[in-house]
Amino acid sequence: MHTSLPDFDMPNEEQVHLAAESFRLLSDPTRIKILWALLQGESNVACLAELADAAPTAVSQHLAKLRLAGLVKGRREGTFVYYSAADDHVRRLLTQGIYHADHIDRDDDPHPSPGHATVEGSTVR
């Protein structure tokens, strides 16, 4: 069936497992808010807690999980840690997720109108 297609390709088990784990971690609204904020620049826990409307301890726990999954990275400066999105893959993944959510059960508009959120070149409603 599919395997007879010349360009058919399936990810290996490790790739599938790691992708599923990343999606599982992104299934929390607070983590999405945290990542969205980090896509716009590095930040510390206190600032992220305010932006995500969450307790600093909860944000710290979310960041620890996101860091273990390779979705965020930290930079220590004195007693503070400043977090940022790990790489451009995270930007594309989250931007596409938000874009997809905005287009569920809607006509797909290839030309977004003004008023959409942007993150360094990525337009999202």
PDB file of N, CA and C in Angstrom:
ATOM      1  N   MET A   1       0.820  -1.181   0.000  1.00  0.00           N
ATOM      2  CA  MET A   1       0.000   0.000   0.000  1.00  0.00           C
ATOM      3  C   MET A   1       0.875   1.260   0.000  1.00  0.00           C
ATOM      4  N   HIS A   2       0.999   1.903   1.167  1.00  0.00           N
ATOM      5  CA  HIS A   2       1.783   3.128   1.237  1.00  0.00           C
ATOM      6  C   HIS A   2       3.256   2.886   0.934  1.00  0.00           C
ATOM      7  N   THR A   3       3.764   1.750   1.391  1.00  0.00           N
ATOM      8  CA  THR A   3       5.189   1.490   1.209  1.00  0.00           C
ATOM      9  C   THR A   3       5.563   1.333  -0.256  1.00  0.00           C
ATOM     10  N   SER A   4       4.588   1.141  -1.114  1.00  0.00           N
ATOM     11  CA  SER A   4       4.884   1.060  -2.545  1.00  0.00           C
ATOM     12  C   SER A   4       5.040   2.445  -3.174  1.00  0.00           C
ATOM     13  N   LEU A   5       4.701   3.492  -2.438  1.00  0.00           N
ATOM     14  CA  LEU A   5       4.887   4.857  -2.945  1.00  0.00           C
ATOM     15  C   LEU A   5       6.374   5.183  -2.939  1.00  0.00           C
ATOM     16  N   PRO A   6       6.891   5.788  -4.002  1.00  0.00           N
ATOM     17  CA  PRO A   6       8.341   6.018  -4.110  1.00  0.00           C
ATOM     18  C   PRO A   6       8.916   6.932  -3.025  1.00  0.00           C
ATOM     19  N   ASP A   7       8.160   7.927  -2.562  1.00  0.00           N
ATOM     20  CA  ASP A   7       8.687   8.871  -1.570  1.00  0.00           C
ATOM     21  C   ASP A   7       8.131   8.639  -0.168  1.00  0.00           C
ATOM     22  N   PHE A   8       7.554   7.464   0.067  1.00  0.00           N
ATOM     23  CA  PHE A   8       6.961   7.180   1.371  1.00  0.00           C
ATOM     24  C   PHE A   8       8.047   7.100   2.441  1.00  0.00           C
ATOM     25  N   ASP A   9       7.789   7.750   3.564  1.00  0.00           N
ATOM     26  CA  ASP A   9       8.760   7.768   4.649  1.00  0.00           C
ATOM     27  C   ASP A   9       8.018   7.856   5.971  1.00  0.00           C
ATOM     28  N   MET A  10       8.424   7.074   6.940  1.00  0.00           N
ATOM     29  CA  MET A  10       7.855   7.106   8.288  1.00  0.00           C
ATOM     30  C   MET A  10       8.964   7.454   9.268  1.00  0.00           C
ATOM     31  N   PRO A  11       8.658   8.255  10.299  1.00  0.00           N
ATOM     32  CA  PRO A  11       9.675   8.516  11.328  1.00  0.00           C
ATOM     33  C   PRO A  11       9.928   7.247  12.135  1.00  0.00           C
ATOM     34  N   ASN A  12      11.124   7.174  12.729  1.00  0.00           N
ATOM     35  CA  ASN A  12      11.424   6.002  13.555  1.00  0.00           C
ATOM     36  C   ASN A  12      10.746   6.137  14.918  1.00  0.00           C
ATOM     37  N   GLU A  13      10.788   5.082  15.706  1.00  0.00           N
ATOM     38  CA  GLU A  13      10.081   5.054  16.994  1.00  0.00           C
ATOM     39  C   GLU A  13      10.566   6.149  17.945  1.00  0.00           C
ATOM     40  N   GLU A  14      11.849   6.397  17.979  1.00  0.00           N
ATOM     41  CA  GLU A  14      12.379   7.440  18.868  1.00  0.00           C
ATOM     42  C   GLU A  14      11.869   8.810  18.454  1.00  0.00           C
ATOM     43  N   GLN A  15      11.866   9.090  17.154  1.00  0.00           N
ATOM     44  CA  GLN A  15      11.347  10.372  16.670  1.00  0.00           C
ATOM     45  C   GLN A  15       9.883  10.544  17.037  1.00  0.00           C
ATOM     46  N   VAL A  16       9.095   9.492  16.861  1.00  0.00           N
ATOM     47  CA  VAL A  16       7.667   9.548  17.190  1.00  0.00           C
ATOM     48  C   VAL A  16       7.484   9.808  18.686  1.00  0.00           C
ATOM     49  N   HIS A  17       8.255   9.097  19.509  1.00  0.00           N
ATOM     50  CA  HIS A  17       8.147   9.264  20.960  1.00  0.00           C
ATOM     51  C   HIS A  17       8.515  10.693  21.375  1.00  0.00           C
ATOM     52  N   LEU A  18       9.615  11.213  20.859  1.00  0.00           N
ATOM     53  CA  LEU A  18      10.051  12.558  21.232  1.00  0.00           C
ATOM     54  C   LEU A  18       9.075  13.625  20.749  1.00  0.00           C
ATOM     55  N   ALA A  19       8.531  13.457  19.558  1.00  0.00           N
ATOM     56  CA  ALA A  19       7.541  14.414  19.049  1.00  0.00           C
ATOM     57  C   ALA A  19       6.287  14.382  19.912  1.00  0.00           C
ATOM     58  N   ALA A  20       5.839  13.182  20.274  1.00  0.00           N
ATOM     59  CA  ALA A  20       4.647  13.054  21.127  1.00  0.00           C
ATOM     60  C   ALA A  20       4.883  13.709  22.480  1.00  0.00           C
ATOM     61  N   GLU A  21       6.066  13.549  23.035  1.00  0.00           N
ATOM     62  CA  GLU A  21       6.388  14.164  24.318  1.00  0.00           C
ATOM     63  C   GLU A  21       6.378  15.691  24.202  1.00  0.00           C
ATOM     64  N   SER A  22       6.920  16.224  23.110  1.00  0.00           N
ATOM     65  CA  SER A  22       6.889  17.674  22.908  1.00  0.00           C
ATOM     66  C   SER A  22       5.457  18.179  22.798  1.00  0.00           C
ATOM     67  N   PHE A  23       4.625  17.474  22.040  1.00  0.00           N
ATOM     68  CA  PHE A  23       3.227  17.876  21.914  1.00  0.00           C
ATOM     69  C   PHE A  23       2.506  17.771  23.252  1.00  0.00           C
ATOM     70  N   ARG A  24       2.825  16.753  24.043  1.00  0.00           N
ATOM     71  CA  ARG A  24       2.207  16.600  25.363  1.00  0.00           C
ATOM     72  C   ARG A  24       2.548  17.801  26.240  1.00  0.00           C
ATOM     73  N   LEU A  25       3.800  18.223  26.202  1.00  0.00           N
ATOM     74  CA  LEU A  25       4.205  19.372  27.003  1.00  0.00           C
ATOM     75  C   LEU A  25       3.562  20.669  26.519  1.00  0.00           C
ATOM     76  N   LEU A  26       3.263  20.734  25.244  1.00  0.00           N
ATOM     77  CA  LEU A  26       2.626  21.931  24.695  1.00  0.00           C
ATOM     78  C   LEU A  26       1.113  21.927  24.876  1.00  0.00           C
ATOM     79  N   SER A  27       0.572  20.885  25.507  1.00  0.00           N
ATOM     80  CA  SER A  27      -0.878  20.792  25.659  1.00  0.00           C
ATOM     81  C   SER A  27      -1.407  21.612  26.834  1.00  0.00           C
ATOM     82  N   ASP A  28      -0.555  22.309  27.535  1.00  0.00           N
ATOM     83  CA  ASP A  28      -0.962  23.118  28.680  1.00  0.00           C
ATOM     84  C   ASP A  28      -1.033  24.602  28.290  1.00  0.00           C
ATOM     85  N   PRO A  29      -2.171  25.269  28.527  1.00  0.00           N
ATOM     86  CA  PRO A  29      -2.307  26.680  28.146  1.00  0.00           C
ATOM     87  C   PRO A  29      -1.260  27.603  28.775  1.00  0.00           C
ATOM     88  N   THR A  30      -0.882  27.352  30.026  1.00  0.00           N
ATOM     89  CA  THR A  30       0.136  28.201  30.659  1.00  0.00           C
ATOM     90  C   THR A  30       1.474  28.043  29.953  1.00  0.00           C
ATOM     91  N   ARG A  31       1.821  26.831  29.556  1.00  0.00           N
ATOM     92  CA  ARG A  31       3.087  26.625  28.845  1.00  0.00           C
ATOM     93  C   ARG A  31       3.069  27.319  27.493  1.00  0.00           C
ATOM     94  N   ILE A  32       1.931  27.316  26.837  1.00  0.00           N
ATOM     95  CA  ILE A  32       1.833  28.015  25.548  1.00  0.00           C
ATOM     96  C   ILE A  32       2.031  29.515  25.761  1.00  0.00           C
ATOM     97  N   LYS A  33       1.431  30.071  26.799  1.00  0.00           N
ATOM     98  CA  LYS A  33       1.622  31.498  27.092  1.00  0.00           C
ATOM     99  C   LYS A  33       3.084  31.798  27.393  1.00  0.00           C
ATOM    100  N   ILE A  34       3.704  30.937  28.184  1.00  0.00           N
ATOM    101  CA  ILE A  34       5.117  31.126  28.527  1.00  0.00           C
ATOM    102  C   ILE A  34       5.974  31.098  27.265  1.00  0.00           C
ATOM    103  N   LEU A  35       5.778  30.094  26.440  1.00  0.00           N
ATOM    104  CA  LEU A  35       6.567  29.988  25.207  1.00  0.00           C
ATOM    105  C   LEU A  35       6.314  31.163  24.279  1.00  0.00           C
ATOM    106  N   TRP A  36       5.055  31.584  24.163  1.00  0.00           N
ATOM    107  CA  TRP A  36       4.729  32.718  23.282  1.00  0.00           C
ATOM    108  C   TRP A  36       5.478  33.962  23.749  1.00  0.00           C
ATOM    109  N   ALA A  37       5.504  34.184  25.066  1.00  0.00           N
ATOM    110  CA  ALA A  37       6.241  35.329  25.608  1.00  0.00           C
ATOM    111  C   ALA A  37       7.728  35.199  25.311  1.00  0.00           C
ATOM    112  N   LEU A  38       8.272  33.985  25.453  1.00  0.00           N
ATOM    113  CA  LEU A  38       9.702  33.775  25.209  1.00  0.00           C
ATOM    114  C   LEU A  38      10.079  33.912  23.742  1.00  0.00           C
ATOM    115  N   LEU A  39       9.126  33.705  22.855  1.00  0.00           N
ATOM    116  CA  LEU A  39       9.411  33.903  21.434  1.00  0.00           C
ATOM    117  C   LEU A  39       9.639  35.378  21.114  1.00  0.00           C
ATOM    118  N   GLN A  40       9.212  36.242  22.011  1.00  0.00           N
ATOM    119  CA  GLN A  40       9.366  37.679  21.794  1.00  0.00           C
ATOM    120  C   GLN A  40      10.577  38.251  22.521  1.00  0.00           C
ATOM    121  N   GLY A  41      11.295  37.390  23.240  1.00  0.00           N
ATOM    122  CA  GLY A  41      12.507  37.814  23.922  1.00  0.00           C
ATOM    123  C   GLY A  41      12.686  37.074  25.221  1.00  0.00           C
ATOM    124  N   GLU A  42      13.920  37.056  25.708  1.00  0.00           N
ATOM    125  CA  GLU A  42      14.183  36.321  26.937  1.00  0.00           C
ATOM    126  C   GLU A  42      13.527  37.023  28.122  1.00  0.00           C
ATOM    127  N   SER A  43      13.276  36.241  29.168  1.00  0.00           N
ATOM    128  CA  SER A  43      12.576  36.770  30.329  1.00  0.00           C
ATOM    129  C   SER A  43      12.905  35.939  31.557  1.00  0.00           C
ATOM    130  N   ASN A  44      12.618  36.506  32.725  1.00  0.00           N
ATOM    131  CA  ASN A  44      12.811  35.759  33.970  1.00  0.00           C
ATOM    132  C   ASN A  44      11.465  35.234  34.464  1.00  0.00           C
ATOM    133  N   VAL A  45      11.503  34.435  35.521  1.00  0.00           N
ATOM    134  CA  VAL A  45      10.304  33.775  36.042  1.00  0.00           C
ATOM    135  C   VAL A  45       9.252  34.796  36.473  1.00  0.00           C
ATOM    136  N   ALA A  46       9.661  35.845  37.174  1.00  0.00           N
ATOM    137  CA  ALA A  46       8.697  36.826  37.682  1.00  0.00           C
ATOM    138  C   ALA A  46       7.926  37.485  36.545  1.00  0.00           C
ATOM    139  N   CYS A  47       8.635  37.881  35.509  1.00  0.00           N
ATOM    140  CA  CYS A  47       7.980  38.516  34.366  1.00  0.00           C
ATOM    141  C   CYS A  47       7.066  37.530  33.647  1.00  0.00           C
ATOM    142  N   LEU A  48       7.533  36.308  33.456  1.00  0.00           N
ATOM    143  CA  LEU A  48       6.714  35.292  32.784  1.00  0.00           C
ATOM    144  C   LEU A  48       5.470  34.967  33.592  1.00  0.00           C
ATOM    145  N   ALA A  49       5.595  34.956  34.921  1.00  0.00           N
ATOM    146  CA  ALA A  49       4.439  34.681  35.784  1.00  0.00           C
ATOM    147  C   ALA A  49       3.376  35.757  35.589  1.00  0.00           C
ATOM    148  N   GLU A  50       3.809  36.995  35.502  1.00  0.00           N
ATOM    149  CA  GLU A  50       2.866  38.097  35.281  1.00  0.00           C
ATOM    150  C   GLU A  50       2.207  37.983  33.902  1.00  0.00           C
ATOM    151  N   LEU A  51       3.001  37.709  32.889  1.00  0.00           N
ATOM    152  CA  LEU A  51       2.469  37.604  31.523  1.00  0.00           C
ATOM    153  C   LEU A  51       1.515  36.422  31.358  1.00  0.00           C
ATOM    154  N   ALA A  52       1.818  35.318  32.039  1.00  0.00           N
ATOM    155  CA  ALA A  52       0.995  34.111  31.916  1.00  0.00           C
ATOM    156  C   ALA A  52      -0.127  34.065  32.950  1.00  0.00           C
ATOM    157  N   ASP A  53      -0.175  35.070  33.823  1.00  0.00           N
ATOM    158  CA  ASP A  53      -1.170  35.134  34.891  1.00  0.00           C
ATOM    159  C   ASP A  53      -1.132  33.847  35.725  1.00  0.00           C
ATOM    160  N   ALA A  54       0.081  33.525  36.167  1.00  0.00           N
ATOM    161  CA  ALA A  54       0.297  32.297  36.946  1.00  0.00           C
ATOM    162  C   ALA A  54       1.256  32.596  38.089  1.00  0.00           C
ATOM    163  N   ALA A  55       1.257  31.735  39.083  1.00  0.00           N
ATOM    164  CA  ALA A  55       2.174  31.885  40.217  1.00  0.00           C
ATOM    165  C   ALA A  55       3.607  31.612  39.765  1.00  0.00           C
ATOM    166  N   PRO A  56       4.566  32.356  40.303  1.00  0.00           N
ATOM    167  CA  PRO A  56       5.967  32.125  39.936  1.00  0.00           C
ATOM    168  C   PRO A  56       6.418  30.679  40.155  1.00  0.00           C
ATOM    169  N   THR A  57       5.961  30.043  41.222  1.00  0.00           N
ATOM    170  CA  THR A  57       6.362  28.644  41.460  1.00  0.00           C
ATOM    171  C   THR A  57       5.838  27.726  40.355  1.00  0.00           C
ATOM    172  N   ALA A  58       4.615  27.983  39.894  1.00  0.00           N
ATOM    173  CA  ALA A  58       4.053  27.177  38.802  1.00  0.00           C
ATOM    174  C   ALA A  58       4.839  27.407  37.519  1.00  0.00           C
ATOM    175  N   VAL A  59       5.193  28.662  37.252  1.00  0.00           N
ATOM    176  CA  VAL A  59       5.969  28.983  36.049  1.00  0.00           C
ATOM    177  C   VAL A  59       7.328  28.303  36.113  1.00  0.00           C
ATOM    178  N   SER A  60       7.963  28.299  37.280  1.00  0.00           N
ATOM    179  CA  SER A  60       9.258  27.617  37.434  1.00  0.00           C
ATOM    180  C   SER A  60       9.138  26.134  37.111  1.00  0.00           C
ATOM    181  N   GLN A  61       8.067  25.505  37.578  1.00  0.00           N
ATOM    182  CA  GLN A  61       7.862  24.086  37.295  1.00  0.00           C
ATOM    183  C   GLN A  61       7.635  23.846  35.810  1.00  0.00           C
ATOM    184  N   HIS A  62       6.844  24.712  35.183  1.00  0.00           N
ATOM    185  CA  HIS A  62       6.614  24.584  33.738  1.00  0.00           C
ATOM    186  C   HIS A  62       7.929  24.757  32.975  1.00  0.00           C
ATOM    187  N   LEU A  63       8.716  25.749  33.359  1.00  0.00           N
ATOM    188  CA  LEU A  63       9.990  25.996  32.682  1.00  0.00           C
ATOM    189  C   LEU A  63      10.942  24.817  32.829  1.00  0.00           C
ATOM    190  N   ALA A  64      10.954  24.199  33.993  1.00  0.00           N
ATOM    191  CA  ALA A  64      11.833  23.039  34.207  1.00  0.00           C
ATOM    192  C   ALA A  64      11.467  21.921  33.234  1.00  0.00           C
ATOM    193  N   LYS A  65      10.177  21.670  33.064  1.00  0.00           N
ATOM    194  CA  LYS A  65       9.739  20.625  32.136  1.00  0.00           C
ATOM    195  C   LYS A  65      10.046  21.005  30.695  1.00  0.00           C
ATOM    196  N   LEU A  66       9.803  22.257  30.345  1.00  0.00           N
ATOM    197  CA  LEU A  66      10.079  22.713  28.980  1.00  0.00           C
ATOM    198  C   LEU A  66      11.572  22.661  28.678  1.00  0.00           C
ATOM    199  N   ARG A  67      12.380  22.949  29.681  1.00  0.00           N
ATOM    200  CA  ARG A  67      13.835  22.897  29.481  1.00  0.00           C
ATOM    201  C   ARG A  67      14.313  21.459  29.303  1.00  0.00           C
ATOM    202  N   LEU A  68      13.781  20.536  30.101  1.00  0.00           N
ATOM    203  CA  LEU A  68      14.151  19.126  29.953  1.00  0.00           C
ATOM    204  C   LEU A  68      13.768  18.587  28.580  1.00  0.00           C
ATOM    205  N   ALA A  69      12.692  19.116  28.019  1.00  0.00           N
ATOM    206  CA  ALA A  69      12.242  18.677  26.692  1.00  0.00           C
ATOM    207  C   ALA A  69      12.989  19.394  25.567  1.00  0.00           C
ATOM    208  N   GLY A  70      13.866  20.325  25.917  1.00  0.00           N
ATOM    209  CA  GLY A  70      14.633  21.036  24.899  1.00  0.00           C
ATOM    210  C   GLY A  70      13.858  22.137  24.203  1.00  0.00           C
ATOM    211  N   LEU A  71      12.752  22.600  24.817  1.00  0.00           N
ATOM    212  CA  LEU A  71      11.941  23.644  24.190  1.00  0.00           C
ATOM    213  C   LEU A  71      12.354  25.044  24.636  1.00  0.00           C
ATOM    214  N   VAL A  72      12.963  25.153  25.811  1.00  0.00           N
ATOM    215  CA  VAL A  72      13.490  26.431  26.283  1.00  0.00           C
ATOM    216  C   VAL A  72      14.908  26.230  26.794  1.00  0.00           C
ATOM    217  N   LYS A  73      15.632  27.326  26.897  1.00  0.00           N
ATOM    218  CA  LYS A  73      16.980  27.276  27.474  1.00  0.00           C
ATOM    219  C   LYS A  73      17.099  28.428  28.471  1.00  0.00           C
ATOM    220  N   GLY A  74      18.017  28.271  29.410  1.00  0.00           N
ATOM    221  CA  GLY A  74      18.219  29.288  30.430  1.00  0.00           C
ATOM    222  C   GLY A  74      19.623  29.847  30.386  1.00  0.00           C
ATOM    223  N   ARG A  75      19.729  31.099  30.807  1.00  0.00           N
ATOM    224  CA  ARG A  75      21.021  31.782  30.891  1.00  0.00           C
ATOM    225  C   ARG A  75      21.096  32.430  32.262  1.00  0.00           C
ATOM    226  N   ARG A  76      22.096  32.022  33.054  1.00  0.00           N
ATOM    227  CA  ARG A  76      22.234  32.555  34.413  1.00  0.00           C
ATOM    228  C   ARG A  76      23.014  33.868  34.373  1.00  0.00           C
ATOM    229  N   GLU A  77      22.471  34.838  35.119  1.00  0.00           N
ATOM    230  CA  GLU A  77      23.156  36.118  35.289  1.00  0.00           C
ATOM    231  C   GLU A  77      23.039  36.491  36.763  1.00  0.00           C
ATOM    232  N   GLY A  78      24.105  36.271  37.505  1.00  0.00           N
ATOM    233  CA  GLY A  78      24.050  36.468  38.958  1.00  0.00           C
ATOM    234  C   GLY A  78      23.110  35.446  39.576  1.00  0.00           C
ATOM    235  N   THR A  79      22.117  35.946  40.318  1.00  0.00           N
ATOM    236  CA  THR A  79      21.157  35.045  40.953  1.00  0.00           C
ATOM    237  C   THR A  79      19.917  34.822  40.089  1.00  0.00           C
ATOM    238  N   PHE A  80      19.856  35.460  38.936  1.00  0.00           N
ATOM    239  CA  PHE A  80      18.689  35.329  38.060  1.00  0.00           C
ATOM    240  C   PHE A  80      18.970  34.378  36.908  1.00  0.00           C
ATOM    241  N   VAL A  81      17.918  33.728  36.435  1.00  0.00           N
ATOM    242  CA  VAL A  81      17.994  32.919  35.231  1.00  0.00           C
ATOM    243  C   VAL A  81      17.048  33.547  34.218  1.00  0.00           C
ATOM    244  N   TYR A  82      17.554  33.792  33.029  1.00  0.00           N
ATOM    245  CA  TYR A  82      16.753  34.356  31.952  1.00  0.00           C
ATOM    246  C   TYR A  82      16.505  33.250  30.931  1.00  0.00           C
ATOM    247  N   TYR A  83      15.252  33.064  30.600  1.00  0.00           N
ATOM    248  CA  TYR A  83      14.845  31.984  29.710  1.00  0.00           C
ATOM    249  C   TYR A  83      14.547  32.522  28.321  1.00  0.00           C
ATOM    250  N   SER A  84      14.724  31.646  27.333  1.00  0.00           N
ATOM    251  CA  SER A  84      14.371  31.966  25.950  1.00  0.00           C
ATOM    252  C   SER A  84      13.937  30.673  25.259  1.00  0.00           C
ATOM    253  N   ALA A  85      13.255  30.831  24.136  1.00  0.00           N
ATOM    254  CA  ALA A  85      12.886  29.661  23.335  1.00  0.00           C
ATOM    255  C   ALA A  85      14.174  29.011  22.854  1.00  0.00           C
ATOM    256  N   ALA A  86      14.189  27.689  22.788  1.00  0.00           N
ATOM    257  CA  ALA A  86      15.422  26.962  22.485  1.00  0.00           C
ATOM    258  C   ALA A  86      15.966  27.265  21.093  1.00  0.00           C
ATOM    259  N   ASP A  87      15.085  27.348  20.100  1.00  0.00           N
ATOM    260  CA  ASP A  87      15.551  27.570  18.736  1.00  0.00           C
ATOM    261  C   ASP A  87      14.377  27.938  17.833  1.00  0.00           C
ATOM    262  N   ASP A  88      14.671  28.108  16.565  1.00  0.00           N
ATOM    263  CA  ASP A  88      13.641  28.521  15.614  1.00  0.00           C
ATOM    264  C   ASP A  88      12.599  27.423  15.388  1.00  0.00           C
ATOM    265  N   HIS A  89      12.957  26.172  15.650  1.00  0.00           N
ATOM    266  CA  HIS A  89      11.979  25.084  15.518  1.00  0.00           C
ATOM    267  C   HIS A  89      10.808  25.301  16.467  1.00  0.00           C
ATOM    268  N   VAL A  90      11.113  25.745  17.692  1.00  0.00           N
ATOM    269  CA  VAL A  90      10.073  26.005  18.681  1.00  0.00           C
ATOM    270  C   VAL A  90       9.164  27.125  18.182  1.00  0.00           C
ATOM    271  N   ARG A  91       9.758  28.161  17.596  1.00  0.00           N
ATOM    272  CA  ARG A  91       8.993  29.283  17.045  1.00  0.00           C
ATOM    273  C   ARG A  91       8.016  28.786  15.981  1.00  0.00           C
ATOM    274  N   ARG A  92       8.518  27.979  15.063  1.00  0.00           N
ATOM    275  CA  ARG A  92       7.653  27.486  13.977  1.00  0.00           C
ATOM    276  C   ARG A  92       6.570  26.558  14.506  1.00  0.00           C
ATOM    277  N   LEU A  93       6.918  25.696  15.448  1.00  0.00           N
ATOM    278  CA  LEU A  93       5.963  24.758  16.012  1.00  0.00           C
ATOM    279  C   LEU A  93       4.816  25.489  16.712  1.00  0.00           C
ATOM    280  N   LEU A  94       5.147  26.434  17.573  1.00  0.00           N
ATOM    281  CA  LEU A  94       4.117  27.158  18.313  1.00  0.00           C
ATOM    282  C   LEU A  94       3.311  28.074  17.394  1.00  0.00           C
ATOM    283  N   THR A  95       3.984  28.743  16.482  1.00  0.00           N
ATOM    284  CA  THR A  95       3.280  29.627  15.552  1.00  0.00           C
ATOM    285  C   THR A  95       2.303  28.833  14.698  1.00  0.00           C
ATOM    286  N   GLN A  96       2.714  27.680  14.216  1.00  0.00           N
ATOM    287  CA  GLN A  96       1.817  26.850  13.414  1.00  0.00           C
ATOM    288  C   GLN A  96       0.659  26.321  14.254  1.00  0.00           C
ATOM    289  N   GLY A  97       0.922  25.987  15.514  1.00  0.00           N
ATOM    290  CA  GLY A  97      -0.146  25.515  16.394  1.00  0.00           C
ATOM    291  C   GLY A  97      -1.205  26.589  16.621  1.00  0.00           C
ATOM    292  N   ILE A  98      -0.760  27.814  16.865  1.00  0.00           N
ATOM    293  CA  ILE A  98      -1.695  28.928  17.055  1.00  0.00           C
ATOM    294  C   ILE A  98      -2.442  29.210  15.749  1.00  0.00           C
ATOM    295  N   TYR A  99      -1.728  29.202  14.642  1.00  0.00           N
ATOM    296  CA  TYR A  99      -2.344  29.440  13.334  1.00  0.00           C
ATOM    297  C   TYR A  99      -3.400  28.368  13.047  1.00  0.00           C
ATOM    298  N   HIS A 100      -3.071  27.116  13.325  1.00  0.00           N
ATOM    299  CA  HIS A 100      -4.012  26.025  13.103  1.00  0.00           C
ATOM    300  C   HIS A 100      -5.253  26.203  13.983  1.00  0.00           C
ATOM    301  N   ALA A 101      -5.051  26.542  15.247  1.00  0.00           N
ATOM    302  CA  ALA A 101      -6.176  26.729  16.170  1.00  0.00           C
ATOM    303  C   ALA A 101      -7.101  27.834  15.682  1.00  0.00           C
ATOM    304  N   ASP A 102      -6.533  28.857  15.089  1.00  0.00           N
ATOM    305  CA  ASP A 102      -7.332  29.975  14.601  1.00  0.00           C
ATOM    306  C   ASP A 102      -8.110  29.627  13.341  1.00  0.00           C
ATOM    307  N   HIS A 103      -7.725  28.556  12.666  1.00  0.00           N
ATOM    308  CA  HIS A 103      -8.371  28.197  11.409  1.00  0.00           C
ATOM    309  C   HIS A 103      -9.229  26.934  11.500  1.00  0.00           C
ATOM    310  N   ILE A 104      -9.432  26.428  12.691  1.00  0.00           N
ATOM    311  CA  ILE A 104     -10.293  25.258  12.840  1.00  0.00           C
ATOM    312  C   ILE A 104     -11.717  25.650  12.483  1.00  0.00           C
ATOM    313  N   ASP A 105     -12.323  24.875  11.605  1.00  0.00           N
ATOM    314  CA  ASP A 105     -13.702  25.104  11.160  1.00  0.00           C
ATOM    315  C   ASP A 105     -13.910  26.473  10.521  1.00  0.00           C
ATOM    316  N   ARG A 106     -12.883  27.002   9.897  1.00  0.00           N
ATOM    317  CA  ARG A 106     -12.988  28.286   9.204  1.00  0.00           C
ATOM    318  C   ARG A 106     -12.405  28.121   7.813  1.00  0.00           C
ATOM    319  N   ASP A 107     -12.789  29.018   6.938  1.00  0.00           N
ATOM    320  CA  ASP A 107     -12.173  29.015   5.613  1.00  0.00           C
ATOM    321  C   ASP A 107     -10.726  29.415   5.773  1.00  0.00           C
ATOM    322  N   ASP A 108      -9.845  28.725   5.084  1.00  0.00           N
ATOM    323  CA  ASP A 108      -8.420  29.026   5.166  1.00  0.00           C
ATOM    324  C   ASP A 108      -8.127  30.261   4.335  1.00  0.00           C
ATOM    325  N   ASP A 109      -7.703  31.329   4.991  1.00  0.00           N
ATOM    326  CA  ASP A 109      -7.405  32.586   4.322  1.00  0.00           C
ATOM    327  C   ASP A 109      -5.895  32.689   4.152  1.00  0.00           C
ATOM    328  N   PRO A 110      -5.370  32.548   2.932  1.00  0.00           N
ATOM    329  CA  PRO A 110      -3.923  32.620   2.751  1.00  0.00           C
ATOM    330  C   PRO A 110      -3.361  34.022   2.933  1.00  0.00           C
ATOM    331  N   HIS A 111      -4.236  35.035   3.025  1.00  0.00           N
ATOM    332  CA  HIS A 111      -3.795  36.421   3.182  1.00  0.00           C
ATOM    333  C   HIS A 111      -4.358  36.973   4.491  1.00  0.00           C
ATOM    334  N   PRO A 112      -3.621  36.845   5.603  1.00  0.00           N
ATOM    335  CA  PRO A 112      -4.119  37.330   6.878  1.00  0.00           C
ATOM    336  C   PRO A 112      -4.394  38.825   6.841  1.00  0.00           C
ATOM    337  N   SER A 113      -5.418  39.230   7.547  1.00  0.00           N
ATOM    338  CA  SER A 113      -5.754  40.649   7.606  1.00  0.00           C
ATOM    339  C   SER A 113      -5.032  41.310   8.760  1.00  0.00           C
ATOM    340  N   PRO A 114      -5.032  42.651   8.794  1.00  0.00           N
ATOM    341  CA  PRO A 114      -4.364  43.367   9.892  1.00  0.00           C
ATOM    342  C   PRO A 114      -4.963  42.971  11.239  1.00  0.00           C
ATOM    343  N   GLY A 115      -4.180  43.126  12.290  1.00  0.00           N
ATOM    344  CA  GLY A 115      -4.662  42.825  13.624  1.00  0.00           C
ATOM    345  C   GLY A 115      -4.268  41.441  14.114  1.00  0.00           C
ATOM    346  N   HIS A 116      -3.462  40.722  13.353  1.00  0.00           N
ATOM    347  CA  HIS A 116      -3.008  39.408  13.770  1.00  0.00           C
ATOM    348  C   HIS A 116      -1.739  39.562  14.593  1.00  0.00           C
ATOM    349  N   ALA A 117      -1.555  38.650  15.524  1.00  0.00           N
ATOM    350  CA  ALA A 117      -0.343  38.660  16.327  1.00  0.00           C
ATOM    351  C   ALA A 117       0.843  38.261  15.461  1.00  0.00           C
ATOM    352  N   THR A 118       1.971  38.873  15.707  1.00  0.00           N
ATOM    353  CA  THR A 118       3.171  38.512  14.968  1.00  0.00           C
ATOM    354  C   THR A 118       4.295  38.223  15.949  1.00  0.00           C
ATOM    355  N   VAL A 119       5.136  37.301  15.554  1.00  0.00           N
ATOM    356  CA  VAL A 119       6.345  36.992  16.302  1.00  0.00           C
ATOM    357  C   VAL A 119       7.466  36.952  15.294  1.00  0.00           C
ATOM    358  N   GLU A 120       8.227  38.036  15.210  1.00  0.00           N
ATOM    359  CA  GLU A 120       9.376  38.147  14.320  1.00  0.00           C
ATOM    360  C   GLU A 120       9.147  37.483  12.966  1.00  0.00           C
ATOM    361  N   GLY A 121       8.249  38.055  12.191  1.00  0.00           N
ATOM    362  CA  GLY A 121       8.040  37.581  10.833  1.00  0.00           C
ATOM    363  C   GLY A 121       6.964  36.534  10.672  1.00  0.00           C
ATOM    364  N   SER A 122       6.452  35.965  11.754  1.00  0.00           N
ATOM    365  CA  SER A 122       5.386  34.976  11.671  1.00  0.00           C
ATOM    366  C   SER A 122       4.072  35.647  12.039  1.00  0.00           C
ATOM    367  N   THR A 123       3.097  35.585  11.152  1.00  0.00           N
ATOM    368  CA  THR A 123       1.806  36.203  11.420  1.00  0.00           C
ATOM    369  C   THR A 123       0.829  35.160  11.910  1.00  0.00           C
ATOM    370  N   VAL A 124       0.168  35.474  13.009  1.00  0.00           N
ATOM    371  CA  VAL A 124      -0.819  34.562  13.596  1.00  0.00           C
ATOM    372  C   VAL A 124      -2.022  35.378  14.005  1.00  0.00           C
ATOM    373  N   ARG A 125      -3.222  34.879  13.689  1.00  0.00           N
ATOM    374  CA  ARG A 125      -4.438  35.596  14.121  1.00  0.00           C
ATOM    375  C   ARG A 125      -4.553  35.568  15.615  1.00  0.00           C
TER     376      ARG A 125
END
